[in-house]
C-alpha atoms as a PDB file:
ATOM      1  CA  UNK A   1      48.204  94.177 151.023  1.00  0.00           C
ATOM      2  CA  UNK A   2      46.804  92.969 147.668  1.00  0.00           C
ATOM      3  CA  UNK A   3      47.845  89.336 148.605  1.00  0.00           C
ATOM      4  CA  UNK A   4      45.888  89.669 151.767  1.00  0.00           C
ATOM      5  CA  UNK A   5      42.751  91.103 150.073  1.00  0.00           C
ATOM      6  CA  UNK A   6      43.066  88.258 147.503  1.00  0.00           C
ATOM      7  CA  UNK A   7      42.884  85.620 150.305  1.00  0.00           C
ATOM      8  CA  UNK A   8      39.587  87.226 151.359  1.00  0.00           C
ATOM      9  CA  UNK A   9      37.856  86.384 148.171  1.00  0.00           C
ATOM     10  CA  UNK A  10      35.887  83.069 148.343  1.00  0.00           C
ATOM     11  CA  UNK A  11      37.849  80.222 146.722  1.00  0.00           C
ATOM     12  CA  UNK A  12      35.036  79.623 144.105  1.00  0.00           C
ATOM     13  CA  UNK A  13      35.153  83.242 142.898  1.00  0.00           C
ATOM     14  CA  UNK A  14      38.959  83.399 142.522  1.00  0.00           C
ATOM     15  CA  UNK A  15      40.268  83.595 139.189  1.00  0.00           C
ATOM     16  CA  UNK A  16      42.420  80.636 138.086  1.00  0.00           C
ATOM     17  CA  UNK A  17      46.103  81.219 137.943  1.00  0.00           C
ATOM     18  CA  UNK A  18      47.496  82.787 134.720  1.00  0.00           C
ATOM     19  CA  UNK A  19      49.411  80.556 132.621  1.00  0.00           C
ATOM     20  CA  UNK A  20      52.387  81.686 130.610  1.00  0.00           C
ATOM     21  CA  UNK A  21      52.577  80.330 127.035  1.00  0.00           C
ATOM     22  CA  UNK A  22      55.854  80.041 125.077  1.00  0.00           C
ATOM     23  CA  UNK A  23      55.484  80.958 121.574  1.00  0.00           C
ATOM     24  CA  UNK A  24      56.458  78.252 119.355  1.00  0.00           C
ATOM     25  CA  UNK A  25      58.680  78.998 116.453  1.00  0.00           C
ATOM     26  CA  UNK A  26      59.579  76.802 113.654  1.00  0.00           C
ATOM     27  CA  UNK A  27      63.206  75.455 114.226  1.00  0.00           C
ATOM     28  CA  UNK A  28      65.270  75.818 111.117  1.00  0.00           C
ATOM     29  CA  UNK A  29      67.000  72.608 109.872  1.00  0.00           C
ATOM     30  CA  UNK A  30      70.798  72.555 109.927  1.00  0.00           C
ATOM     31  CA  UNK A  31      72.060  73.478 106.387  1.00  0.00           C
ATOM     32  CA  UNK A  32      73.452  70.680 104.342  1.00  0.00           C
ATOM     33  CA  UNK A  33      77.016  70.857 103.116  1.00  0.00           C
ATOM     34  CA  UNK A  34      77.291  70.148  99.425  1.00  0.00           C
ATOM     35  CA  UNK A  35      80.014  70.281  96.991  1.00  0.00           C
ATOM     36  CA  UNK A  36      80.302  73.793  95.695  1.00  0.00           C
ATOM     37  CA  UNK A  37      80.918  74.150  91.790  1.00  0.00           C
ATOM     38  CA  UNK A  38      82.052  77.861  91.043  1.00  0.00           C
ATOM     39  CA  UNK A  39      80.886  79.429  87.790  1.00  0.00           C
ATOM     40  CA  UNK A  40      83.284  79.295  85.049  1.00  0.00           C
ATOM     41  CA  UNK A  41      81.917  82.370  83.291  1.00  0.00           C
ATOM     42  CA  UNK A  42      82.084  85.980  84.286  1.00  0.00           C
ATOM     43  CA  UNK A  43      79.373  88.560  83.724  1.00  0.00           C
ATOM     44  CA  UNK A  44      81.033  91.749  82.507  1.00  0.00           C
ATOM     45  CA  UNK A  45      79.922  94.915  84.218  1.00  0.00           C
ATOM     46  CA  UNK A  46      79.055  98.004  82.119  1.00  0.00           C
ATOM     47  CA  UNK A  47      80.570 100.382  84.840  1.00  0.00           C
ATOM     48  CA  UNK A  48      83.330  99.428  87.103  1.00  0.00           C
ATOM     49  CA  UNK A  49      81.778 101.335  90.110  1.00  0.00           C
ATOM     50  CA  UNK A  50      82.465 100.662  93.851  1.00  0.00           C
ATOM     51  CA  UNK A  51      79.761  99.230  95.714  1.00  0.00           C
ATOM     52  CA  UNK A  52      78.436 101.285  98.626  1.00  0.00           C
ATOM     53  CA  UNK A  53      77.586  98.729 101.219  1.00  0.00           C
ATOM     54  CA  UNK A  54      76.817 101.307 103.793  1.00  0.00           C
ATOM     55  CA  UNK A  55      73.350 101.928 102.062  1.00  0.00           C
ATOM     56  CA  UNK A  56      72.354  98.378 102.925  1.00  0.00           C
ATOM     57  CA  UNK A  57      71.724  99.606 106.484  1.00  0.00           C
ATOM     58  CA  UNK A  58      68.427 101.081 105.198  1.00  0.00           C
ATOM     59  CA  UNK A  59      67.662  98.622 102.297  1.00  0.00           C
ATOM     60  CA  UNK A  60      66.327  94.951 102.490  1.00  0.00           C
ATOM     61  CA  UNK A  61      68.957  92.529 101.464  1.00  0.00           C
ATOM     62  CA  UNK A  62      67.441  90.457  98.525  1.00  0.00           C
ATOM     63  CA  UNK A  63      67.458  86.715  98.444  1.00  0.00           C
ATOM     64  CA  UNK A  64      70.646  85.226  96.545  1.00  0.00           C
ATOM     65  CA  UNK A  65      69.907  83.763  92.974  1.00  0.00           C
ATOM     66  CA  UNK A  66      71.421  80.526  94.110  1.00  0.00           C
ATOM     67  CA  UNK A  67      70.045  79.593  97.532  1.00  0.00           C
ATOM     68  CA  UNK A  68      71.697  76.099  97.417  1.00  0.00           C
ATOM     69  CA  UNK A  69      74.959  77.884  97.252  1.00  0.00           C
ATOM     70  CA  UNK A  70      74.102  79.982 100.312  1.00  0.00           C
ATOM     71  CA  UNK A  71      73.054  76.817 102.140  1.00  0.00           C
ATOM     72  CA  UNK A  72      76.496  75.128 101.388  1.00  0.00           C
ATOM     73  CA  UNK A  73      78.302  78.291 102.607  1.00  0.00           C
ATOM     74  CA  UNK A  74      76.199  78.387 105.734  1.00  0.00           C
ATOM     75  CA  UNK A  75      77.027  74.789 106.442  1.00  0.00           C
ATOM     76  CA  UNK A  76      80.772  75.534 106.006  1.00  0.00           C
ATOM     77  CA  UNK A  77      80.274  78.597 108.409  1.00  0.00           C
ATOM     78  CA  UNK A  78      78.832  76.307 111.072  1.00  0.00           C
ATOM     79  CA  UNK A  79      81.350  73.692 110.514  1.00  0.00           C
ATOM     80  CA  UNK A  80      84.274  76.272 110.837  1.00  0.00           C
ATOM     81  CA  UNK A  81      82.559  77.937 113.754  1.00  0.00           C
ATOM     82  CA  UNK A  82      82.137  74.632 115.681  1.00  0.00           C
ATOM     83  CA  UNK A  83      85.954  74.073 115.097  1.00  0.00           C
ATOM     84  CA  UNK A  84      86.884  77.400 116.389  1.00  0.00           C
ATOM     85  CA  UNK A  85      84.391  77.858 119.182  1.00  0.00           C
ATOM     86  CA  UNK A  86      82.396  80.787 117.575  1.00  0.00           C
ATOM     87  CA  UNK A  87      79.514  82.032 119.526  1.00  0.00           C
ATOM     88  CA  UNK A  88      75.903  82.035 117.812  1.00  0.00           C
ATOM     89  CA  UNK A  89      76.114  85.732 117.432  1.00  0.00           C
ATOM     90  CA  UNK A  90      79.418  85.468 115.616  1.00  0.00           C
ATOM     91  CA  UNK A  91      78.206  82.643 113.340  1.00  0.00           C
ATOM     92  CA  UNK A  92      74.944  84.618 112.611  1.00  0.00           C
ATOM     93  CA  UNK A  93      77.075  87.800 111.678  1.00  0.00           C
ATOM     94  CA  UNK A  94      79.128  85.711 109.198  1.00  0.00           C
ATOM     95  CA  UNK A  95      76.144  84.118 107.627  1.00  0.00           C
ATOM     96  CA  UNK A  96      74.549  87.585 107.089  1.00  0.00           C
ATOM     97  CA  UNK A  97      77.800  88.622 105.389  1.00  0.00           C
ATOM     98  CA  UNK A  98      77.740  85.707 103.123  1.00  0.00           C
ATOM     99  CA  UNK A  99      74.132  86.291 102.274  1.00  0.00           C
ATOM    100  CA  UNK A 100      74.826  89.863 101.378  1.00  0.00           C
ATOM    101  CA  UNK A 101      77.937  89.047  99.236  1.00  0.00           C
ATOM    102  CA  UNK A 102      75.926  86.417  97.300  1.00  0.00           C
ATOM    103  CA  UNK A 103      72.922  88.649  96.776  1.00  0.00           C
ATOM    104  CA  UNK A 104      75.124  91.560  95.199  1.00  0.00           C
ATOM    105  CA  UNK A 105      77.347  89.520  92.979  1.00  0.00           C
ATOM    106  CA  UNK A 106      77.721  90.490  89.336  1.00  0.00           C
ATOM    107  CA  UNK A 107      78.025  86.739  88.378  1.00  0.00           C
ATOM    108  CA  UNK A 108      76.027  84.630  90.526  1.00  0.00           C
ATOM    109  CA  UNK A 109      78.160  81.567  91.681  1.00  0.00           C
ATOM    110  CA  UNK A 110      81.543  83.091  91.000  1.00  0.00           C
ATOM    111  CA  UNK A 111      84.237  82.908  93.787  1.00  0.00           C
ATOM    112  CA  UNK A 112      84.027  85.935  96.012  1.00  0.00           C
ATOM    113  CA  UNK A 113      87.257  88.199  96.119  1.00  0.00           C
ATOM    114  CA  UNK A 114      88.762  89.113  99.377  1.00  0.00           C
ATOM    115  CA  UNK A 115      88.745  92.853  98.426  1.00  0.00           C
ATOM    116  CA  UNK A 116      84.948  92.747  98.215  1.00  0.00           C
ATOM    117  CA  UNK A 117      84.685  91.168 101.681  1.00  0.00           C
ATOM    118  CA  UNK A 118      86.747  93.843 103.185  1.00  0.00           C
ATOM    119  CA  UNK A 119      84.117  96.406 102.069  1.00  0.00           C
ATOM    120  CA  UNK A 120      81.808  94.818 104.573  1.00  0.00           C
ATOM    121  CA  UNK A 121      83.563  96.909 107.301  1.00  0.00           C
ATOM    122  CA  UNK A 122      81.154  99.747 106.414  1.00  0.00           C
ATOM    123  CA  UNK A 123      78.318  97.466 107.927  1.00  0.00           C
ATOM    124  CA  UNK A 124      80.586  96.403 110.881  1.00  0.00           C
ATOM    125  CA  UNK A 125      80.294  92.787 109.660  1.00  0.00           C
ATOM    126  CA  UNK A 126      83.166  90.482 110.443  1.00  0.00           C
ATOM    127  CA  UNK A 127      85.593  90.436 107.642  1.00  0.00           C
ATOM    128  CA  UNK A 128      88.382  88.056 108.603  1.00  0.00           C
ATOM    129  CA  UNK A 129      85.860  85.285 109.783  1.00  0.00           C
ATOM    130  CA  UNK A 130      83.978  85.601 106.476  1.00  0.00           C
ATOM    131  CA  UNK A 131      87.182  85.360 104.541  1.00  0.00           C
ATOM    132  CA  UNK A 132      88.144  82.122 106.414  1.00  0.00           C
ATOM    133  CA  UNK A 133      84.792  80.683 105.647  1.00  0.00           C
ATOM    134  CA  UNK A 134      85.154  81.340 102.085  1.00  0.00           C
ATOM    135  CA  UNK A 135      88.585  79.985 101.912  1.00  0.00           C
ATOM    136  CA  UNK A 136      87.469  76.794 104.077  1.00  0.00           C
ATOM    137  CA  UNK A 137      84.791  76.368 101.329  1.00  0.00           C
ATOM    138  CA  UNK A 138      87.360  77.025  98.474  1.00  0.00           C
ATOM    139  CA  UNK A 139      85.083  79.826  97.238  1.00  0.00           C
ATOM    140  CA  UNK A 140      87.481  82.703  97.740  1.00  0.00           C
ATOM    141  CA  UNK A 141      89.751  84.541  95.376  1.00  0.00           C
ATOM    142  CA  UNK A 142      92.535  86.193  97.433  1.00  0.00           C
ATOM    143  CA  UNK A 143      93.201  89.337  95.370  1.00  0.00           C
ATOM    144  CA  UNK A 144      94.785  91.013  98.419  1.00  0.00           C
ATOM    145  CA  UNK A 145      98.280  92.589  98.081  1.00  0.00           C
ATOM    146  CA  UNK A 146     100.628  90.749 100.753  1.00  0.00           C
ATOM    147  CA  UNK A 147     101.955  93.119 103.304  1.00  0.00           C
ATOM    148  CA  UNK A 148     105.509  92.455 102.399  1.00  0.00           C
ATOM    149  CA  UNK A 149     104.930  93.657  98.881  1.00  0.00           C
ATOM    150  CA  UNK A 150     103.310  96.858 100.126  1.00  0.00           C
ATOM    151  CA  UNK A 151     106.309  97.295 102.387  1.00  0.00           C
ATOM    152  CA  UNK A 152     108.604  96.902  99.449  1.00  0.00           C
ATOM    153  CA  UNK A 153     106.787  99.411  97.288  1.00  0.00           C
ATOM    154  CA  UNK A 154     106.947 101.961 100.105  1.00  0.00           C
ATOM    155  CA  UNK A 155     110.666 101.354 100.636  1.00  0.00           C
ATOM    156  CA  UNK A 156     111.620 102.004  96.892  1.00  0.00           C
ATOM    157  CA  UNK A 157     109.009 104.703  96.257  1.00  0.00           C
ATOM    158  CA  UNK A 158     111.720 107.379  95.799  1.00  0.00           C
ATOM    159  CA  UNK A 159     113.613 105.250  93.127  1.00  0.00           C
ATOM    160  CA  UNK A 160     113.281 105.652  89.367  1.00  0.00           C
ATOM    161  CA  UNK A 161     110.201 104.105  88.027  1.00  0.00           C
ATOM    162  CA  UNK A 162     112.116 101.304  86.006  1.00  0.00           C
ATOM    163  CA  UNK A 163     114.170 100.364  89.204  1.00  0.00           C
ATOM    164  CA  UNK A 164     110.935 100.173  91.237  1.00  0.00           C
ATOM    165  CA  UNK A 165     109.305  98.005  88.548  1.00  0.00           C
ATOM    166  CA  UNK A 166     112.402  95.525  88.638  1.00  0.00           C
ATOM    167  CA  UNK A 167     112.335  95.413  92.360  1.00  0.00           C
ATOM    168  CA  UNK A 168     108.812  94.711  92.347  1.00  0.00           C
ATOM    169  CA  UNK A 169     109.280  91.864  90.019  1.00  0.00           C
ATOM    170  CA  UNK A 170     112.045  90.611  92.142  1.00  0.00           C
ATOM    171  CA  UNK A 171     109.810  90.652  95.281  1.00  0.00           C
ATOM    172  CA  UNK A 172     106.861  88.871  93.507  1.00  0.00           C
ATOM    173  CA  UNK A 173     109.350  85.949  92.465  1.00  0.00           C
ATOM    174  CA  UNK A 174     111.049  85.867  95.999  1.00  0.00           C
ATOM    175  CA  UNK A 175     107.634  85.605  97.686  1.00  0.00           C
ATOM    176  CA  UNK A 176     105.958  83.280  95.319  1.00  0.00           C
ATOM    177  CA  UNK A 177     108.750  81.504  93.563  1.00  0.00           C
ATOM    178  CA  UNK A 178     109.272  80.952  89.864  1.00  0.00           C
ATOM    179  CA  UNK A 179     109.368  77.768  87.562  1.00  0.00           C
ATOM    180  CA  UNK A 180     110.914  79.309  84.589  1.00  0.00           C
ATOM    181  CA  UNK A 181     114.173  81.213  84.679  1.00  0.00           C
ATOM    182  CA  UNK A 182     115.162  82.744  86.974  1.00  0.00           C
ATOM    183  CA  UNK A 183     114.013  79.717  88.779  1.00  0.00           C
ATOM    184  CA  UNK A 184     113.571  79.994  92.635  1.00  0.00           C
ATOM    185  CA  UNK A 185     111.914  78.652  95.402  1.00  0.00           C
ATOM    186  CA  UNK A 186     109.554  80.887  97.620  1.00  0.00           C
ATOM    187  CA  UNK A 187     111.358  82.753 100.418  1.00  0.00           C
ATOM    188  CA  UNK A 188     110.114  83.882 103.654  1.00  0.00           C
ATOM    189  CA  UNK A 189     108.970  87.524 104.133  1.00  0.00           C
ATOM    190  CA  UNK A 190     111.740  88.060 106.665  1.00  0.00           C
ATOM    191  CA  UNK A 191     114.330  87.067 103.959  1.00  0.00           C
ATOM    192  CA  UNK A 192     112.670  89.580 101.519  1.00  0.00           C
ATOM    193  CA  UNK A 193     112.811  92.360 104.152  1.00  0.00           C
ATOM    194  CA  UNK A 194     116.540  91.509 104.992  1.00  0.00           C
ATOM    195  CA  UNK A 195     117.755  91.372 101.405  1.00  0.00           C
ATOM    196  CA  UNK A 196     116.022  94.691 100.634  1.00  0.00           C
ATOM    197  CA  UNK A 197     117.457  96.345 103.732  1.00  0.00           C
ATOM    198  CA  UNK A 198     120.978  95.227 102.920  1.00  0.00           C
ATOM    199  CA  UNK A 199     120.748  96.343  99.064  1.00  0.00           C
ATOM    200  CA  UNK A 200     119.110  99.855  99.831  1.00  0.00           C
ATOM    201  CA  UNK A 201     122.251 101.642 100.080  1.00  0.00           C
ATOM    202  CA  UNK A 202     123.533 100.445  96.809  1.00  0.00           C
ATOM    203  CA  UNK A 203     120.250 101.063  95.128  1.00  0.00           C
ATOM    204  CA  UNK A 204     120.081 104.733  96.466  1.00  0.00           C
ATOM    205  CA  UNK A 205     123.481 105.191  95.149  1.00  0.00           C
ATOM    206  CA  UNK A 206     122.908 103.877  91.650  1.00  0.00           C
ATOM    207  CA  UNK A 207     119.659 105.609  91.366  1.00  0.00           C
ATOM    208  CA  UNK A 208     121.417 108.936  91.136  1.00  0.00           C
ATOM    209  CA  UNK A 209     123.012 107.884  87.848  1.00  0.00           C
ATOM    210  CA  UNK A 210     121.035 105.004  86.545  1.00  0.00           C
ATOM    211  CA  UNK A 211     117.447 104.399  85.353  1.00  0.00           C
ATOM    212  CA  UNK A 212     117.580 100.683  85.382  1.00  0.00           C
ATOM    213  CA  UNK A 213     119.308  97.896  87.278  1.00  0.00           C
ATOM    214  CA  UNK A 214     120.143  96.540  83.982  1.00  0.00           C
ATOM    215  CA  UNK A 215     122.661  99.422  83.529  1.00  0.00           C
ATOM    216  CA  UNK A 216     124.710  98.352  86.740  1.00  0.00           C
ATOM    217  CA  UNK A 217     128.098  96.825  85.959  1.00  0.00           C
ATOM    218  CA  UNK A 218     130.296  94.547  87.950  1.00  0.00           C
ATOM    219  CA  UNK A 219     132.589  97.576  88.683  1.00  0.00           C
ATOM    220  CA  UNK A 220     129.504  99.312  90.067  1.00  0.00           C
ATOM    221  CA  UNK A 221     128.871  96.445  92.434  1.00  0.00           C
ATOM    222  CA  UNK A 222     132.524  96.379  93.643  1.00  0.00           C
ATOM    223  CA  UNK A 223     132.372 100.177  94.185  1.00  0.00           C
ATOM    224  CA  UNK A 224     129.557 100.133  96.726  1.00  0.00           C
ATOM    225  CA  UNK A 225     130.372  96.916  98.735  1.00  0.00           C
ATOM    226  CA  UNK A 226     131.723  97.694 102.105  1.00  0.00           C
ATOM    227  CA  UNK A 227     135.328  96.755 102.652  1.00  0.00           C
ATOM    228  CA  UNK A 228     134.542  93.763 104.752  1.00  0.00           C
ATOM    229  CA  UNK A 229     132.817  92.166 107.620  1.00  0.00           C
ATOM    230  CA  UNK A 230     128.842  91.386 107.978  1.00  0.00           C
ATOM    231  CA  UNK A 231     127.843  94.425 106.011  1.00  0.00           C
ATOM    232  CA  UNK A 232     129.948  93.381 103.031  1.00  0.00           C
ATOM    233  CA  UNK A 233     128.464  89.629 102.953  1.00  0.00           C
ATOM    234  CA  UNK A 234     125.070  90.810 103.684  1.00  0.00           C
ATOM    235  CA  UNK A 235     124.879  93.500 100.925  1.00  0.00           C
ATOM    236  CA  UNK A 236     126.408  91.091  98.496  1.00  0.00           C
ATOM    237  CA  UNK A 237     123.813  88.532  99.430  1.00  0.00           C
ATOM    238  CA  UNK A 238     121.090  91.177  98.975  1.00  0.00           C
ATOM    239  CA  UNK A 239     122.289  92.155  95.645  1.00  0.00           C
END
């Protein structure tokens, strides 16, 4: 009806058609990837307090002290995101995480610890992609405990403290290798699990009368070994 009434208005009195204008926004230039030089010093904190990133939901994130560092990390984020096919939203979320991490550093320009990135879960920001970007930019300190080390600690939690410490040292050497005596090349996580599984019956037995593995004698080893077969060879290999 309105359309028909509009046609009854003389052409010289009709309003010109309405034009929709798009709002022009300043396009941000692509960040430039520059070499990153990490700070060699560390600013000591007066109190070792855990950051509460959840409060940042209601606060304005300050600008990082080193904007050129943020630009380099943003460029690394775009580069990695293009390689992996990240969406614009995913890349933007990682960029926000990077800005927040740089803005809250005790030592501006110091590599960021993986455990600090993990706290961003409180803000529902992507943790693993952010870690990947920092690692891609060689700006990450990976202080996470490997899952196999956590598994070893859980399996030997009931043993005496000295034996737990000795097994922990063994697991670290098995995982990372050692260039001094006892020299060893790194072993796979499966090998570590298999060796500990095979040795656990013997460790449980010795823990009843021993406080340290240094107290175990050759006769003690022979006494706990199975008579033969696969169990014998696997336990001997584990020990």
